N, C-alpha and C. Protein backbone atom coordinates (compact mmCIF):
# COMPACT_ATOMS: atom_id res chain seq x y z
N UNK A 1 215.13 260.42 74.77
CA UNK A 1 214.00 259.60 74.33
C UNK A 1 214.15 258.21 74.90
N UNK A 2 213.06 257.64 75.35
CA UNK A 2 213.13 256.32 75.95
C UNK A 2 213.38 255.25 74.91
N UNK A 3 213.82 254.12 75.39
CA UNK A 3 214.20 253.01 74.51
C UNK A 3 213.03 252.53 73.65
N UNK A 4 211.84 252.50 74.23
CA UNK A 4 210.70 251.92 73.54
C UNK A 4 209.99 252.92 72.67
N UNK A 5 210.44 254.18 72.58
CA UNK A 5 209.78 255.18 71.76
C UNK A 5 209.81 254.79 70.29
N UNK A 6 210.88 254.17 69.84
CA UNK A 6 210.96 253.74 68.45
C UNK A 6 209.90 252.71 68.11
N UNK A 7 209.63 251.80 69.01
CA UNK A 7 208.58 250.81 68.77
C UNK A 7 207.21 251.48 68.70
N UNK A 8 206.99 252.44 69.60
CA UNK A 8 205.71 253.15 69.64
C UNK A 8 205.50 253.95 68.34
N UNK A 9 206.53 254.63 67.91
CA UNK A 9 206.43 255.41 66.69
C UNK A 9 206.18 254.50 65.49
N UNK A 10 206.93 253.40 65.42
CA UNK A 10 206.73 252.46 64.32
C UNK A 10 205.34 251.87 64.30
N UNK A 11 204.83 251.52 65.45
CA UNK A 11 203.46 250.99 65.54
C UNK A 11 202.43 252.06 65.19
N UNK A 12 202.65 253.28 65.61
CA UNK A 12 201.72 254.35 65.29
C UNK A 12 201.70 254.63 63.80
N UNK A 13 202.87 254.62 63.17
CA UNK A 13 202.91 254.86 61.71
C UNK A 13 202.22 253.70 60.98
N UNK A 14 202.50 252.48 61.36
CA UNK A 14 201.84 251.34 60.70
C UNK A 14 200.33 251.39 60.91
N UNK A 15 199.87 251.71 62.09
CA UNK A 15 198.44 251.81 62.38
C UNK A 15 197.78 252.92 61.58
N UNK A 16 198.45 254.06 61.47
CA UNK A 16 197.91 255.18 60.70
C UNK A 16 197.81 254.84 59.22
N UNK A 17 198.82 254.18 58.69
CA UNK A 17 198.78 253.80 57.27
C UNK A 17 197.66 252.81 57.04
N UNK A 18 197.50 251.81 57.90
CA UNK A 18 196.46 250.79 57.71
C UNK A 18 195.08 251.43 57.89
N UNK A 19 194.92 252.34 58.86
CA UNK A 19 193.63 253.00 59.00
C UNK A 19 193.31 253.89 57.80
N UNK A 20 194.30 254.57 57.27
CA UNK A 20 194.10 255.39 56.06
C UNK A 20 193.69 254.54 54.87
N UNK A 21 194.39 253.41 54.69
CA UNK A 21 194.03 252.49 53.57
C UNK A 21 192.62 251.94 53.74
N UNK A 22 192.26 251.59 54.96
CA UNK A 22 190.91 251.09 55.22
C UNK A 22 189.85 252.15 54.95
N UNK A 23 190.13 253.38 55.39
CA UNK A 23 189.16 254.47 55.13
C UNK A 23 189.04 254.76 53.64
N UNK A 24 190.16 254.73 52.93
CA UNK A 24 190.14 254.93 51.50
C UNK A 24 189.31 253.83 50.80
N UNK A 25 189.55 252.60 51.16
CA UNK A 25 188.81 251.50 50.53
C UNK A 25 187.32 251.61 50.84
N UNK A 26 186.96 251.96 52.05
CA UNK A 26 185.54 252.09 52.42
C UNK A 26 184.90 253.24 51.66
N UNK A 27 185.57 254.40 51.63
CA UNK A 27 185.00 255.55 50.95
C UNK A 27 184.89 255.30 49.44
N UNK A 28 185.87 254.64 48.86
CA UNK A 28 185.81 254.34 47.44
C UNK A 28 184.71 253.31 47.15
N UNK A 29 184.56 252.34 48.04
CA UNK A 29 183.51 251.34 47.85
C UNK A 29 182.11 251.92 47.98
N UNK A 30 181.95 252.96 48.80
CA UNK A 30 180.64 253.61 48.96
C UNK A 30 180.39 254.67 47.86
N UNK A 31 181.41 254.96 47.08
CA UNK A 31 181.26 255.93 46.00
C UNK A 31 181.35 257.37 46.46
N UNK A 32 181.86 257.61 47.62
CA UNK A 32 181.94 258.97 48.19
C UNK A 32 183.28 259.65 47.84
N UNK A 33 184.22 258.92 47.34
CA UNK A 33 185.55 259.47 47.15
C UNK A 33 185.71 260.13 45.78
N UNK A 34 185.05 259.61 44.78
CA UNK A 34 185.23 260.17 43.42
C UNK A 34 183.94 259.99 42.65
N UNK A 35 184.03 260.09 41.37
CA UNK A 35 182.84 259.97 40.54
C UNK A 35 182.51 258.51 40.23
N UNK A 36 183.09 257.58 40.97
CA UNK A 36 182.80 256.17 40.75
C UNK A 36 181.37 255.87 41.24
N UNK A 37 180.72 254.94 40.59
CA UNK A 37 179.38 254.56 41.04
C UNK A 37 179.47 253.87 42.39
N UNK A 38 178.41 253.92 43.20
CA UNK A 38 178.42 253.23 44.50
C UNK A 38 178.70 251.74 44.33
N UNK A 39 179.33 251.18 45.31
CA UNK A 39 179.69 249.75 45.35
C UNK A 39 180.69 249.43 44.24
N UNK A 40 181.57 250.36 43.90
CA UNK A 40 182.60 250.10 42.90
C UNK A 40 183.62 249.14 43.49
N UNK A 41 184.27 248.39 42.62
CA UNK A 41 185.28 247.44 43.07
C UNK A 41 186.54 248.16 43.48
N UNK A 42 187.10 247.78 44.62
CA UNK A 42 188.34 248.38 45.11
C UNK A 42 189.53 247.65 44.52
N UNK A 43 189.41 246.35 44.37
CA UNK A 43 190.51 245.54 43.84
C UNK A 43 190.47 245.51 42.32
N UNK A 44 191.61 245.25 41.69
CA UNK A 44 191.62 245.09 40.23
C UNK A 44 190.72 243.93 39.83
N UNK A 45 190.20 243.98 38.62
CA UNK A 45 189.20 243.00 38.15
C UNK A 45 189.76 241.57 38.19
N UNK A 46 191.00 241.37 37.75
CA UNK A 46 191.57 240.02 37.71
C UNK A 46 191.70 239.46 39.12
N UNK A 47 192.20 240.27 40.04
CA UNK A 47 192.35 239.81 41.43
C UNK A 47 190.98 239.55 42.05
N UNK A 48 190.01 240.39 41.73
CA UNK A 48 188.66 240.19 42.26
C UNK A 48 188.03 238.89 41.75
N UNK A 49 188.25 238.59 40.46
CA UNK A 49 187.74 237.31 39.90
C UNK A 49 188.42 236.12 40.58
N UNK A 50 189.74 236.21 40.77
CA UNK A 50 190.47 235.13 41.41
C UNK A 50 189.97 234.88 42.82
N UNK A 51 189.75 235.93 43.58
CA UNK A 51 189.26 235.78 44.94
C UNK A 51 187.83 235.26 44.96
N UNK A 52 187.02 235.66 43.98
CA UNK A 52 185.63 235.17 43.93
C UNK A 52 185.57 233.69 43.56
N UNK A 53 186.51 233.24 42.73
CA UNK A 53 186.53 231.82 42.33
C UNK A 53 187.04 230.94 43.44
N UNK A 54 187.92 231.43 44.27
CA UNK A 54 188.53 230.66 45.36
C UNK A 54 188.06 231.22 46.69
N UNK A 55 186.94 230.74 47.23
CA UNK A 55 186.40 231.33 48.46
C UNK A 55 187.33 231.11 49.68
N UNK A 56 188.13 230.09 49.66
CA UNK A 56 189.02 229.85 50.81
C UNK A 56 190.12 230.90 50.90
N UNK A 57 190.42 231.57 49.77
CA UNK A 57 191.47 232.60 49.81
C UNK A 57 191.03 233.81 50.65
N UNK A 58 189.74 234.13 50.64
CA UNK A 58 189.28 235.24 51.48
C UNK A 58 189.38 234.87 52.96
N UNK A 59 189.10 233.62 53.28
CA UNK A 59 189.25 233.17 54.67
C UNK A 59 190.72 233.21 55.09
N UNK A 60 191.59 232.80 54.19
CA UNK A 60 193.02 232.86 54.47
C UNK A 60 193.49 234.29 54.68
N UNK A 61 193.03 235.19 53.83
CA UNK A 61 193.39 236.61 53.96
C UNK A 61 192.85 237.19 55.27
N UNK A 62 191.62 236.85 55.62
CA UNK A 62 191.03 237.33 56.89
C UNK A 62 191.82 236.79 58.08
N UNK A 63 192.19 235.52 58.02
CA UNK A 63 192.97 234.92 59.12
C UNK A 63 194.32 235.62 59.24
N UNK A 64 194.98 235.88 58.11
CA UNK A 64 196.28 236.54 58.15
C UNK A 64 196.15 237.96 58.73
N UNK A 65 195.11 238.67 58.37
CA UNK A 65 194.92 240.02 58.90
C UNK A 65 194.60 240.01 60.39
N UNK A 66 193.82 239.04 60.85
CA UNK A 66 193.55 238.93 62.30
C UNK A 66 194.82 238.58 63.03
N UNK A 67 195.60 237.70 62.49
CA UNK A 67 196.87 237.31 63.11
C UNK A 67 197.82 238.52 63.17
N UNK A 68 197.88 239.29 62.11
CA UNK A 68 198.69 240.49 62.08
C UNK A 68 198.24 241.52 63.11
N UNK A 69 196.94 241.65 63.25
CA UNK A 69 196.44 242.61 64.24
C UNK A 69 196.73 242.15 65.66
N UNK A 70 196.66 240.83 65.94
CA UNK A 70 196.96 240.33 67.28
C UNK A 70 198.46 240.51 67.60
N UNK A 71 199.32 240.25 66.62
CA UNK A 71 200.76 240.47 66.83
C UNK A 71 201.05 241.92 67.08
N UNK A 72 200.38 242.81 66.32
CA UNK A 72 200.57 244.24 66.53
C UNK A 72 200.07 244.69 67.88
N UNK A 73 198.97 244.14 68.34
CA UNK A 73 198.44 244.47 69.66
C UNK A 73 199.39 244.00 70.75
N UNK A 74 199.96 242.83 70.61
CA UNK A 74 200.95 242.35 71.60
C UNK A 74 202.16 243.23 71.61
N UNK A 75 202.63 243.64 70.44
CA UNK A 75 203.77 244.56 70.33
C UNK A 75 203.47 245.87 71.03
N UNK A 76 202.27 246.41 70.85
CA UNK A 76 201.89 247.66 71.49
C UNK A 76 201.87 247.51 73.02
N UNK A 77 201.31 246.41 73.48
CA UNK A 77 201.23 246.20 74.94
C UNK A 77 202.60 246.05 75.55
N UNK A 78 203.51 245.37 74.86
CA UNK A 78 204.87 245.24 75.39
C UNK A 78 205.61 246.59 75.33
N UNK A 79 205.34 247.38 74.31
CA UNK A 79 205.96 248.69 74.22
C UNK A 79 205.48 249.62 75.33
N UNK A 80 204.25 249.48 75.71
CA UNK A 80 203.70 250.30 76.79
C UNK A 80 204.20 249.84 78.14
N UNK A 81 204.84 248.71 78.21
CA UNK A 81 205.43 248.24 79.48
C UNK A 81 204.56 247.28 80.22
N UNK A 82 203.43 246.85 79.66
CA UNK A 82 202.60 245.90 80.35
C UNK A 82 203.27 244.55 80.30
N UNK A 83 203.18 243.83 81.36
CA UNK A 83 203.82 242.51 81.45
C UNK A 83 205.16 242.53 82.15
N UNK A 84 205.72 243.71 82.39
CA UNK A 84 206.96 243.80 83.17
C UNK A 84 206.60 243.69 84.65
N UNK A 85 207.48 243.05 85.32
CA UNK A 85 207.23 242.85 86.77
C UNK A 85 208.02 243.84 87.58
N UNK A 86 207.36 244.46 88.54
CA UNK A 86 208.04 245.38 89.44
C UNK A 86 208.16 246.76 88.89
N UNK A 87 208.71 247.63 89.75
CA UNK A 87 208.96 249.02 89.36
C UNK A 87 210.46 249.27 89.35
N UNK A 88 210.91 250.14 88.47
CA UNK A 88 212.34 250.45 88.43
C UNK A 88 212.81 251.13 89.71
N UNK A 89 214.03 250.82 90.11
CA UNK A 89 214.57 251.39 91.32
C UNK A 89 215.88 252.06 90.96
N UNK A 90 215.91 253.38 91.04
CA UNK A 90 217.10 254.14 90.66
C UNK A 90 218.23 253.94 91.60
N UNK A 91 217.97 253.82 92.90
CA UNK A 91 219.02 253.62 93.87
C UNK A 91 219.74 252.31 93.64
N UNK A 92 218.95 251.25 93.42
CA UNK A 92 219.55 249.95 93.15
C UNK A 92 220.36 249.92 91.89
N UNK A 93 219.85 250.61 90.85
CA UNK A 93 220.57 250.67 89.56
C UNK A 93 221.88 251.42 89.74
N UNK A 94 221.85 252.52 90.49
CA UNK A 94 223.08 253.28 90.73
C UNK A 94 224.10 252.44 91.52
N UNK A 95 223.64 251.72 92.50
CA UNK A 95 224.52 250.85 93.27
C UNK A 95 225.12 249.76 92.40
N UNK A 96 224.33 249.25 91.47
CA UNK A 96 224.81 248.21 90.56
C UNK A 96 225.90 248.74 89.64
N UNK A 97 225.69 249.96 89.09
CA UNK A 97 226.72 250.53 88.23
C UNK A 97 227.99 250.84 89.02
N UNK A 98 227.87 251.31 90.25
CA UNK A 98 229.05 251.62 91.04
C UNK A 98 229.81 250.33 91.36
N UNK A 99 229.10 249.25 91.68
CA UNK A 99 229.74 247.98 91.99
C UNK A 99 230.41 247.36 90.79
N UNK A 100 229.92 247.65 89.58
CA UNK A 100 230.49 247.06 88.37
C UNK A 100 231.27 248.10 87.56
N UNK A 101 231.81 249.10 88.21
CA UNK A 101 232.49 250.17 87.49
C UNK A 101 233.75 249.72 86.78
N UNK A 102 234.37 248.62 87.17
CA UNK A 102 235.58 248.14 86.51
C UNK A 102 235.30 247.32 85.27
N UNK A 103 234.03 247.02 84.98
CA UNK A 103 233.67 246.25 83.78
C UNK A 103 233.63 247.21 82.59
N UNK A 104 234.49 246.98 81.61
CA UNK A 104 234.56 247.84 80.43
C UNK A 104 233.38 247.56 79.51
N UNK A 105 232.73 248.59 79.03
CA UNK A 105 231.66 248.47 78.04
C UNK A 105 230.33 247.98 78.62
N UNK A 106 230.13 248.14 79.89
CA UNK A 106 228.87 247.72 80.50
C UNK A 106 227.72 248.47 79.81
N UNK A 107 226.81 247.73 79.21
CA UNK A 107 225.75 248.35 78.42
C UNK A 107 224.60 248.83 79.25
N UNK A 108 223.82 247.93 79.73
CA UNK A 108 222.62 248.27 80.49
C UNK A 108 222.67 247.53 81.80
N UNK A 109 222.10 248.15 82.77
CA UNK A 109 221.91 247.51 84.07
C UNK A 109 220.62 248.06 84.64
N UNK A 110 219.77 247.18 85.14
CA UNK A 110 218.49 247.60 85.69
C UNK A 110 218.23 246.82 86.96
N UNK A 111 217.54 247.50 87.87
CA UNK A 111 217.05 246.86 89.08
C UNK A 111 215.56 247.19 89.16
N UNK A 112 214.74 246.13 89.28
CA UNK A 112 213.32 246.29 89.42
C UNK A 112 212.89 245.61 90.72
N UNK A 113 212.00 246.25 91.45
CA UNK A 113 211.52 245.70 92.70
C UNK A 113 210.03 245.40 92.57
N UNK A 114 209.62 244.21 92.92
CA UNK A 114 208.22 243.84 92.85
C UNK A 114 207.81 243.04 94.06
N UNK A 115 206.56 242.61 94.04
CA UNK A 115 206.07 241.79 95.17
C UNK A 115 206.75 240.43 95.23
N UNK A 116 207.18 239.92 94.09
CA UNK A 116 207.82 238.62 94.04
C UNK A 116 209.33 238.68 94.30
N UNK A 117 209.87 239.86 94.49
CA UNK A 117 211.30 239.95 94.78
C UNK A 117 212.01 240.99 93.94
N UNK A 118 213.29 240.80 93.86
CA UNK A 118 214.17 241.76 93.19
C UNK A 118 214.62 241.15 91.87
N UNK A 119 214.60 241.97 90.81
CA UNK A 119 215.05 241.50 89.48
C UNK A 119 216.17 242.41 89.02
N UNK A 120 217.33 241.79 88.75
CA UNK A 120 218.50 242.53 88.30
C UNK A 120 218.84 242.04 86.92
N UNK A 121 219.07 242.99 86.00
CA UNK A 121 219.44 242.66 84.64
C UNK A 121 220.70 243.44 84.28
N UNK A 122 221.71 242.72 83.81
CA UNK A 122 223.00 243.31 83.45
C UNK A 122 223.36 242.86 82.04
N UNK A 123 223.80 243.79 81.18
CA UNK A 123 224.28 243.49 79.85
C UNK A 123 225.78 243.81 79.76
N UNK A 124 226.58 242.79 79.45
CA UNK A 124 228.03 242.93 79.41
C UNK A 124 228.54 242.61 78.00
N UNK A 125 229.69 243.14 77.67
CA UNK A 125 230.30 242.77 76.39
C UNK A 125 230.89 241.36 76.48
N UNK A 126 231.14 240.74 75.35
CA UNK A 126 231.66 239.39 75.36
C UNK A 126 233.10 239.32 75.85
N UNK A 127 233.82 240.45 75.80
CA UNK A 127 235.21 240.48 76.25
C UNK A 127 235.35 240.54 77.77
N UNK A 128 234.28 240.85 78.47
CA UNK A 128 234.33 241.01 79.92
C UNK A 128 234.61 239.67 80.60
N UNK A 129 235.27 239.72 81.75
CA UNK A 129 235.53 238.52 82.53
C UNK A 129 234.25 238.13 83.27
N UNK A 130 233.54 237.14 82.76
CA UNK A 130 232.25 236.78 83.33
C UNK A 130 232.39 236.22 84.74
N UNK A 131 233.47 235.53 85.00
CA UNK A 131 233.69 235.00 86.34
C UNK A 131 233.82 236.11 87.38
N UNK A 132 234.52 237.18 87.02
CA UNK A 132 234.64 238.31 87.93
C UNK A 132 233.31 239.03 88.11
N UNK A 133 232.57 239.19 87.02
CA UNK A 133 231.28 239.85 87.12
C UNK A 133 230.32 239.07 87.99
N UNK A 134 230.24 237.76 87.74
CA UNK A 134 229.33 236.91 88.56
C UNK A 134 229.78 236.87 90.01
N UNK A 135 231.09 236.80 90.23
CA UNK A 135 231.61 236.82 91.59
C UNK A 135 231.26 238.08 92.32
N UNK A 136 231.41 239.24 91.67
CA UNK A 136 231.02 240.51 92.32
C UNK A 136 229.53 240.56 92.60
N UNK A 137 228.75 240.10 91.62
CA UNK A 137 227.29 240.12 91.84
C UNK A 137 226.89 239.19 92.99
N UNK A 138 227.52 238.03 93.03
CA UNK A 138 227.15 237.01 94.02
C UNK A 138 227.57 237.39 95.41
N UNK A 139 228.77 237.88 95.58
CA UNK A 139 229.32 238.12 96.91
C UNK A 139 228.99 239.47 97.48
N UNK A 140 228.99 240.49 96.65
CA UNK A 140 228.99 241.84 97.20
C UNK A 140 227.78 242.67 96.78
N UNK A 141 227.57 242.83 95.51
CA UNK A 141 226.63 243.84 95.01
C UNK A 141 225.17 243.48 95.32
N UNK A 142 224.76 242.27 95.05
CA UNK A 142 223.35 241.88 95.24
C UNK A 142 222.98 241.99 96.70
N UNK A 143 223.85 241.59 97.61
CA UNK A 143 223.55 241.72 99.05
C UNK A 143 223.36 243.18 99.47
N UNK A 144 224.20 244.06 98.97
CA UNK A 144 224.07 245.49 99.29
C UNK A 144 222.80 246.05 98.77
N UNK A 145 222.45 245.69 97.53
CA UNK A 145 221.21 246.18 96.93
C UNK A 145 220.00 245.69 97.72
N UNK A 146 220.00 244.41 98.09
CA UNK A 146 218.87 243.87 98.86
C UNK A 146 218.73 244.59 100.19
N UNK A 147 219.83 244.81 100.90
CA UNK A 147 219.77 245.52 102.19
C UNK A 147 219.28 246.95 102.01
N UNK A 148 219.69 247.58 100.95
CA UNK A 148 219.29 248.97 100.72
C UNK A 148 217.83 249.10 100.34
N UNK A 149 217.37 248.16 99.50
CA UNK A 149 215.99 248.24 98.99
C UNK A 149 214.98 247.79 100.03
N UNK A 150 215.08 246.59 100.51
CA UNK A 150 214.09 246.08 101.47
C UNK A 150 214.76 245.29 102.58
N UNK A 151 214.96 244.02 102.33
CA UNK A 151 215.56 243.19 103.38
C UNK A 151 216.54 242.19 102.76
N UNK A 152 217.32 241.56 103.59
CA UNK A 152 218.37 240.66 103.13
C UNK A 152 217.84 239.31 102.67
N UNK A 153 216.60 238.98 103.01
CA UNK A 153 216.03 237.68 102.69
C UNK A 153 215.16 237.72 101.43
N UNK A 154 215.16 238.81 100.70
CA UNK A 154 214.35 238.98 99.53
C UNK A 154 214.85 238.06 98.39
N UNK A 155 213.91 237.38 97.72
CA UNK A 155 214.32 236.54 96.59
C UNK A 155 214.81 237.44 95.44
N UNK A 156 215.82 236.97 94.77
CA UNK A 156 216.47 237.77 93.75
C UNK A 156 216.69 236.95 92.49
N UNK A 157 216.39 237.53 91.35
CA UNK A 157 216.68 236.92 90.06
C UNK A 157 217.65 237.86 89.34
N UNK A 158 218.81 237.29 88.97
CA UNK A 158 219.82 238.06 88.22
C UNK A 158 219.92 237.50 86.84
N UNK A 159 219.76 238.38 85.84
CA UNK A 159 219.89 237.98 84.44
C UNK A 159 221.14 238.65 83.87
N UNK A 160 222.06 237.86 83.38
CA UNK A 160 223.29 238.37 82.80
C UNK A 160 223.24 238.12 81.30
N UNK A 161 223.16 239.22 80.49
CA UNK A 161 223.12 239.12 79.06
C UNK A 161 224.51 239.43 78.51
N UNK A 162 224.99 238.63 77.59
CA UNK A 162 226.30 238.84 76.99
C UNK A 162 226.10 239.27 75.54
N UNK A 163 226.63 240.44 75.20
CA UNK A 163 226.53 240.93 73.84
C UNK A 163 227.62 240.28 72.99
N UNK A 164 227.35 240.14 71.73
CA UNK A 164 228.34 239.59 70.79
C UNK A 164 229.31 240.63 70.38
């Protein structure tokens, strides 16, 4: 299963629950769900009175729900992979792992190739010798990957993440 599947499943469950609650509230308000008269109140009477007395609270609630929906939409777009630059390159990633085979606990390593250049991402444990890792990346591995992928003059961004 891909890394982002959990985010997709979580977002799908949250969306389904919210859509179900909205459908329930609409059907109950229209009187189609039970023997309630049409236009029945969905909220408890005390909460409905409080909201009716304070009109700004409905605006605040609407703003919070719009903000929540925008954050959820951004989460979905990031989970789908929009906004990432370049395409994954398996050859470059394999070369990166082979070059860093002496690093214990190497978590993730990715190579992406795009129009703007090469993007390399490496996740190392905090116990790893960062000087050795950076030295290997700087002198040997990045040059090999650039030559293999496209050309030696390609701009390259290397991101080194250190886990705690």
